[in-house]
Structures are given as C-alpha cells and as structure tokens.
C-alpha cells in the first residue's frame, strides 16, 4: 500500500517550518527590558545565596545531630603555630 503524495510531503514541510523558526532572529532588547533582566538576575542571585546558606545550616545541624547520637567527640581545631621569622 502506498500513501498518497500529500502525506509524504507533510513531514517535509513540518521540518522545513521548524528549521525556519529556529533560524529566525528576535529583535534586540530595549533598555527597559535589559534593566528588568538585570534586576531579575540580581534577585535570582540573592535567592541562590539565601538557599545556599540555608542548605549549609541544615547540613551542619544534621552533622551535629549525627555526632551527638553516635557519641562522637569533636575536638576544636588548634590554630597553626606561626612560622618563625629569621
């Protein structure tokens, strides 16, 4: 059984359309849009810092709880002796 010619051409046209859209250029951003994007990036960076700090705090709590439950004694790290000057 052979498909009608129309159904053989449809996938080719779809691929051509997708390739055409992929190569289309968007207009450059306006100064206002650039400022909004920069502000959004700054907010995203601050949120990432807060999330990172919260994650570190949570990991420290888990480590301390693990040490407390296992009875592991922690020793405070002694400061390294200063190098002697000649």
N, C-alpha and C. Protein backbone atom coordinates (compact mmCIF):
# COMPACT_ATOMS: atom_id res chain seq x y z
N UNK A 1 0.84 -1.18 0.00
CA UNK A 1 0.00 0.00 0.00
C UNK A 1 0.88 1.24 0.00
N UNK A 2 0.54 2.15 -0.82
CA UNK A 2 1.32 3.38 -0.84
C UNK A 2 0.46 4.52 -0.32
N UNK A 3 1.12 5.42 0.41
CA UNK A 3 0.40 6.56 0.95
C UNK A 3 0.23 7.61 -0.14
N UNK A 4 -0.81 8.41 -0.07
CA UNK A 4 -0.97 9.49 -1.05
C UNK A 4 0.22 10.45 -0.98
N UNK A 5 0.49 11.10 -2.09
CA UNK A 5 1.63 12.02 -2.16
C UNK A 5 1.55 13.10 -1.08
N UNK A 6 0.36 13.53 -0.77
CA UNK A 6 0.18 14.58 0.23
C UNK A 6 0.81 14.19 1.57
N UNK A 7 0.60 12.98 2.01
CA UNK A 7 1.12 12.54 3.31
C UNK A 7 2.62 12.31 3.28
N UNK A 8 3.20 12.20 2.11
CA UNK A 8 4.66 12.10 2.00
C UNK A 8 5.30 13.48 2.10
N UNK A 9 4.56 14.50 1.72
CA UNK A 9 5.11 15.87 1.72
C UNK A 9 4.93 16.54 3.08
N UNK A 10 3.93 16.18 3.84
CA UNK A 10 3.64 16.84 5.12
C UNK A 10 4.84 16.82 6.07
N UNK A 11 5.51 15.70 6.33
CA UNK A 11 6.67 15.73 7.23
C UNK A 11 7.79 16.65 6.74
N UNK A 12 7.97 16.70 5.44
CA UNK A 12 9.00 17.57 4.88
C UNK A 12 8.66 19.03 5.15
N UNK A 13 7.42 19.39 4.97
CA UNK A 13 7.00 20.77 5.23
C UNK A 13 7.11 21.12 6.71
N UNK A 14 6.78 20.19 7.58
CA UNK A 14 6.89 20.43 9.02
C UNK A 14 8.35 20.66 9.41
N UNK A 15 9.25 19.85 8.89
CA UNK A 15 10.67 20.01 9.20
C UNK A 15 11.17 21.34 8.68
N UNK A 16 10.78 21.72 7.48
CA UNK A 16 11.19 23.00 6.91
C UNK A 16 10.69 24.16 7.77
N UNK A 17 9.46 24.06 8.26
CA UNK A 17 8.91 25.11 9.11
C UNK A 17 9.66 25.24 10.42
N UNK A 18 9.99 24.11 11.03
CA UNK A 18 10.71 24.13 12.31
C UNK A 18 12.11 24.72 12.11
N UNK A 19 12.77 24.32 11.05
CA UNK A 19 14.12 24.86 10.78
C UNK A 19 14.04 26.36 10.52
N UNK A 20 13.04 26.79 9.81
CA UNK A 20 12.88 28.22 9.55
C UNK A 20 12.67 29.01 10.83
N UNK A 21 11.86 28.48 11.74
CA UNK A 21 11.64 29.17 13.01
C UNK A 21 12.90 29.17 13.87
N UNK A 22 13.69 28.12 13.78
CA UNK A 22 14.91 28.05 14.58
C UNK A 22 15.93 29.10 14.14
N UNK A 23 15.93 29.43 12.87
CA UNK A 23 16.89 30.41 12.36
C UNK A 23 16.37 31.85 12.43
N UNK A 24 15.13 32.04 12.81
CA UNK A 24 14.57 33.39 12.89
C UNK A 24 15.25 34.16 14.01
N UNK A 25 15.47 35.44 13.80
CA UNK A 25 16.11 36.28 14.81
C UNK A 25 15.06 37.08 15.56
N UNK A 26 15.30 37.22 16.85
CA UNK A 26 14.43 38.05 17.66
C UNK A 26 14.95 39.48 17.63
N UNK A 27 14.08 40.46 17.80
CA UNK A 27 14.55 41.84 17.83
C UNK A 27 15.39 42.08 19.09
N UNK A 28 16.32 43.03 19.05
CA UNK A 28 17.15 43.29 20.24
C UNK A 28 16.29 43.82 21.39
N UNK A 29 16.76 43.56 22.61
CA UNK A 29 16.02 44.00 23.79
C UNK A 29 16.13 45.51 23.96
N UNK A 30 15.06 46.12 24.45
CA UNK A 30 15.09 47.55 24.74
C UNK A 30 15.88 47.76 26.04
N UNK A 31 16.23 49.01 26.30
CA UNK A 31 16.98 49.31 27.52
C UNK A 31 16.17 48.96 28.76
N UNK A 32 14.85 49.18 28.68
CA UNK A 32 13.99 48.86 29.82
C UNK A 32 13.97 47.35 30.08
N UNK A 33 13.90 46.58 29.01
CA UNK A 33 13.88 45.13 29.14
C UNK A 33 15.23 44.62 29.67
N UNK A 34 16.31 45.24 29.23
CA UNK A 34 17.64 44.86 29.72
C UNK A 34 17.76 45.14 31.22
N UNK A 35 17.22 46.28 31.65
CA UNK A 35 17.27 46.62 33.07
C UNK A 35 16.45 45.63 33.90
N UNK A 36 15.28 45.26 33.39
CA UNK A 36 14.45 44.29 34.10
C UNK A 36 15.15 42.93 34.19
N UNK A 37 15.80 42.54 33.10
CA UNK A 37 16.51 41.26 33.10
C UNK A 37 17.67 41.29 34.09
N UNK A 38 18.37 42.41 34.16
CA UNK A 38 19.49 42.55 35.09
C UNK A 38 18.99 42.49 36.53
N UNK A 39 17.86 43.16 36.79
CA UNK A 39 17.27 43.15 38.13
C UNK A 39 16.81 41.74 38.52
N UNK A 40 16.21 41.04 37.57
CA UNK A 40 15.76 39.67 37.83
C UNK A 40 16.94 38.76 38.11
N UNK A 41 18.04 38.96 37.39
CA UNK A 41 19.24 38.15 37.62
C UNK A 41 19.81 38.43 39.01
N UNK A 42 19.78 39.69 39.43
CA UNK A 42 20.28 40.04 40.77
C UNK A 42 19.41 39.39 41.84
N UNK A 43 18.09 39.42 41.66
CA UNK A 43 17.19 38.79 42.63
C UNK A 43 17.42 37.28 42.67
N UNK A 44 17.63 36.70 41.51
CA UNK A 44 17.87 35.27 41.44
C UNK A 44 19.17 34.92 42.15
N UNK A 45 20.19 35.76 42.01
CA UNK A 45 21.46 35.53 42.69
C UNK A 45 21.32 35.62 44.20
N UNK A 46 20.57 36.60 44.67
CA UNK A 46 20.34 36.74 46.11
C UNK A 46 19.57 35.53 46.65
N UNK A 47 18.57 35.08 45.90
CA UNK A 47 17.80 33.92 46.34
C UNK A 47 18.70 32.68 46.39
N UNK A 48 19.61 32.56 45.43
CA UNK A 48 20.53 31.42 45.42
C UNK A 48 21.45 31.47 46.63
N UNK A 49 21.92 32.66 46.99
CA UNK A 49 22.78 32.81 48.16
C UNK A 49 22.03 32.42 49.44
N UNK A 50 20.79 32.86 49.55
CA UNK A 50 19.99 32.53 50.73
C UNK A 50 19.74 31.02 50.80
N UNK A 51 19.44 30.42 49.66
CA UNK A 51 19.19 28.98 49.63
C UNK A 51 20.46 28.21 49.99
N UNK A 52 21.59 28.69 49.52
CA UNK A 52 22.86 28.04 49.82
C UNK A 52 23.17 28.13 51.31
N UNK A 53 22.93 29.30 51.89
CA UNK A 53 23.17 29.47 53.32
C UNK A 53 22.25 28.56 54.14
N UNK A 54 21.00 28.46 53.73
CA UNK A 54 20.04 27.60 54.44
C UNK A 54 20.46 26.14 54.32
N UNK A 55 20.94 25.73 53.16
CA UNK A 55 21.39 24.36 52.97
C UNK A 55 22.61 24.06 53.84
N UNK A 56 23.56 24.98 53.89
CA UNK A 56 24.74 24.79 54.74
C UNK A 56 24.34 24.66 56.20
N UNK A 57 23.41 25.50 56.64
CA UNK A 57 22.95 25.46 58.03
C UNK A 57 22.28 24.12 58.33
N UNK A 58 21.47 23.65 57.41
CA UNK A 58 20.79 22.36 57.60
C UNK A 58 21.80 21.22 57.64
N UNK A 59 22.81 21.26 56.78
CA UNK A 59 23.83 20.21 56.77
C UNK A 59 24.62 20.21 58.08
N UNK A 60 24.90 21.41 58.61
CA UNK A 60 25.60 21.49 59.89
C UNK A 60 24.76 20.90 61.02
N UNK A 61 23.44 21.18 61.00
CA UNK A 61 22.56 20.62 62.03
C UNK A 61 22.53 19.11 61.96
N UNK A 62 22.47 18.57 60.76
CA UNK A 62 22.43 17.12 60.58
C UNK A 62 23.73 16.50 61.06
N UNK A 63 24.86 17.12 60.73
CA UNK A 63 26.15 16.59 61.15
C UNK A 63 26.29 16.62 62.67
N UNK A 64 25.85 17.70 63.30
CA UNK A 64 25.93 17.80 64.75
C UNK A 64 25.03 16.75 65.41
N UNK A 65 23.83 16.56 64.87
CA UNK A 65 22.92 15.57 65.43
C UNK A 65 23.51 14.16 65.29
N UNK A 66 24.10 13.88 64.14
CA UNK A 66 24.72 12.58 63.91
C UNK A 66 25.84 12.34 64.93
N UNK A 67 26.68 13.34 65.12
CA UNK A 67 27.79 13.21 66.07
C UNK A 67 27.27 13.02 67.49
N UNK A 68 26.20 13.76 67.84
CA UNK A 68 25.64 13.67 69.19
C UNK A 68 25.04 12.28 69.42
N UNK A 69 24.33 11.74 68.42
CA UNK A 69 23.70 10.44 68.57
C UNK A 69 24.72 9.30 68.59
N UNK A 70 25.80 9.43 67.87
CA UNK A 70 26.82 8.39 67.81
C UNK A 70 27.85 8.54 68.93
N UNK A 71 27.77 9.62 69.67
CA UNK A 71 28.70 9.82 70.77
C UNK A 71 30.11 10.19 70.31
N UNK A 72 30.19 10.82 69.18
CA UNK A 72 31.50 11.22 68.65
C UNK A 72 31.90 12.52 69.31
N UNK A 73 33.10 12.52 69.86
CA UNK A 73 33.63 13.73 70.49
C UNK A 73 34.27 14.59 69.41
N UNK A 74 33.96 15.86 69.43
CA UNK A 74 34.59 16.77 68.47
C UNK A 74 35.68 17.54 69.17
N UNK A 75 36.78 17.69 68.50
CA UNK A 75 37.91 18.43 69.04
C UNK A 75 38.03 19.71 68.24
N UNK A 76 38.08 20.81 68.94
CA UNK A 76 38.24 22.09 68.25
C UNK A 76 39.63 22.13 67.63
N UNK A 77 39.70 22.58 66.43
CA UNK A 77 40.98 22.65 65.73
C UNK A 77 41.85 23.72 66.37
N UNK A 78 43.07 23.33 66.72
CA UNK A 78 44.01 24.28 67.32
C UNK A 78 44.59 25.14 66.22
N UNK A 79 44.81 26.41 66.52
CA UNK A 79 45.39 27.27 65.49
C UNK A 79 46.82 26.83 65.16
N UNK A 80 47.17 26.92 63.92
CA UNK A 80 48.50 26.53 63.47
C UNK A 80 49.54 27.48 64.08
N UNK A 81 50.68 26.94 64.52
CA UNK A 81 51.71 27.82 65.07
C UNK A 81 52.25 28.76 63.99
N UNK A 82 52.54 29.96 64.41
CA UNK A 82 53.06 30.94 63.45
C UNK A 82 54.48 30.54 63.04
N UNK A 83 54.79 30.78 61.80
CA UNK A 83 56.12 30.46 61.29
C UNK A 83 57.14 31.42 61.90
N UNK A 84 58.30 30.87 62.27
CA UNK A 84 59.33 31.72 62.86
C UNK A 84 60.00 32.54 61.78
N UNK A 85 60.22 33.79 62.11
CA UNK A 85 60.89 34.70 61.18
C UNK A 85 62.36 34.73 61.53
N UNK A 86 63.19 34.79 60.54
CA UNK A 86 64.64 34.86 60.77
C UNK A 86 65.12 36.28 60.80
